[in-house]
């Protein structure tokens, strides 16, 4: 008996949370705009170039954002 109330309240809370997130963040009901740093592909590309240009002092070179690239270690030479 209590299970249906618990599950029902969890579903209702999820729907309310999703709806409020959508209204506040996407529809901007309190005003505001999406910053250019988030919306611009050019900004993302330049930021990625900057991250890749940073020198590393320890260990082999790695990609700064491995999740988006799906390769974790960049090898500068082939191992025999």
Protein backbone atom coordinates (compact mmCIF):
# COMPACT_ATOMS: atom_id res chain seq x y z
CA UNK A 1 0.00 0.00 0.00
CA UNK A 2 2.76 2.43 0.92
CA UNK A 3 4.71 1.42 -2.19
CA UNK A 4 2.23 3.03 -4.58
CA UNK A 5 2.39 6.30 -2.63
CA UNK A 6 6.18 6.26 -2.58
CA UNK A 7 6.47 5.47 -6.29
CA UNK A 8 3.73 7.96 -7.17
CA UNK A 9 5.43 10.73 -5.23
CA UNK A 10 8.79 9.92 -6.81
CA UNK A 11 7.28 10.10 -10.31
CA UNK A 12 5.47 13.35 -9.46
CA UNK A 13 8.64 14.90 -8.03
CA UNK A 14 10.59 13.92 -11.15
CA UNK A 15 7.96 15.47 -13.43
CA UNK A 16 7.89 18.68 -11.40
CA UNK A 17 11.70 18.91 -11.30
CA UNK A 18 12.01 18.33 -15.05
CA UNK A 19 9.28 20.85 -15.81
CA UNK A 20 10.83 23.54 -13.62
CA UNK A 21 14.28 22.91 -15.09
CA UNK A 22 12.90 23.21 -18.61
CA UNK A 23 10.96 26.40 -17.84
CA UNK A 24 13.78 28.12 -15.99
CA UNK A 25 16.81 27.03 -18.04
CA UNK A 26 15.44 26.62 -21.56
CA UNK A 27 12.44 28.94 -21.73
CA UNK A 28 14.09 31.54 -19.44
CA UNK A 29 10.87 32.53 -17.63
CA UNK A 30 12.89 34.85 -15.36
CA UNK A 31 14.59 36.57 -18.29
CA UNK A 32 18.16 36.48 -19.48
CA UNK A 33 19.86 35.01 -22.50
CA UNK A 34 22.19 32.12 -23.24
CA UNK A 35 25.78 33.39 -23.13
CA UNK A 36 27.80 33.36 -26.35
CA UNK A 37 30.41 31.14 -24.70
CA UNK A 38 27.82 28.37 -24.44
CA UNK A 39 25.99 28.85 -27.75
CA UNK A 40 28.90 29.51 -30.13
CA UNK A 41 30.72 26.66 -31.89
CA UNK A 42 33.61 29.01 -32.70
CA UNK A 43 34.15 29.70 -29.00
CA UNK A 44 34.16 25.97 -28.26
CA UNK A 45 36.74 25.30 -30.99
CA UNK A 46 39.05 28.07 -29.77
CA UNK A 47 38.78 26.88 -26.17
CA UNK A 48 39.60 23.34 -27.29
CA UNK A 49 42.66 24.60 -29.19
CA UNK A 50 43.82 26.47 -26.07
CA UNK A 51 43.43 23.38 -23.88
CA UNK A 52 45.36 21.23 -26.37
CA UNK A 53 48.20 23.78 -26.52
CA UNK A 54 48.87 23.78 -22.75
CA UNK A 55 52.22 22.15 -22.00
CA UNK A 56 52.35 19.16 -19.69
CA UNK A 57 55.36 18.64 -17.49
CA UNK A 58 54.72 15.14 -16.17
CA UNK A 59 53.89 11.95 -17.98
CA UNK A 60 52.92 11.32 -21.57
CA UNK A 61 50.71 13.83 -23.39
CA UNK A 62 47.00 13.32 -22.78
CA UNK A 63 43.84 14.84 -24.17
CA UNK A 64 42.31 17.50 -21.89
CA UNK A 65 38.76 16.23 -22.36
CA UNK A 66 39.02 12.45 -22.76
CA UNK A 67 35.30 11.75 -22.49
CA UNK A 68 34.41 13.71 -25.61
CA UNK A 69 37.33 12.27 -27.55
CA UNK A 70 37.11 8.65 -26.39
CA UNK A 71 40.87 8.21 -26.39
CA UNK A 72 42.62 8.55 -23.09
CA UNK A 73 46.33 8.68 -23.94
CA UNK A 74 47.80 10.29 -27.04
CA UNK A 75 51.04 8.54 -27.94
CA UNK A 76 53.66 10.65 -29.66
CA UNK A 77 55.58 7.62 -30.93
CA UNK A 78 54.74 4.03 -31.68
CA UNK A 79 55.87 1.43 -29.19
CA UNK A 80 57.61 -1.63 -30.65
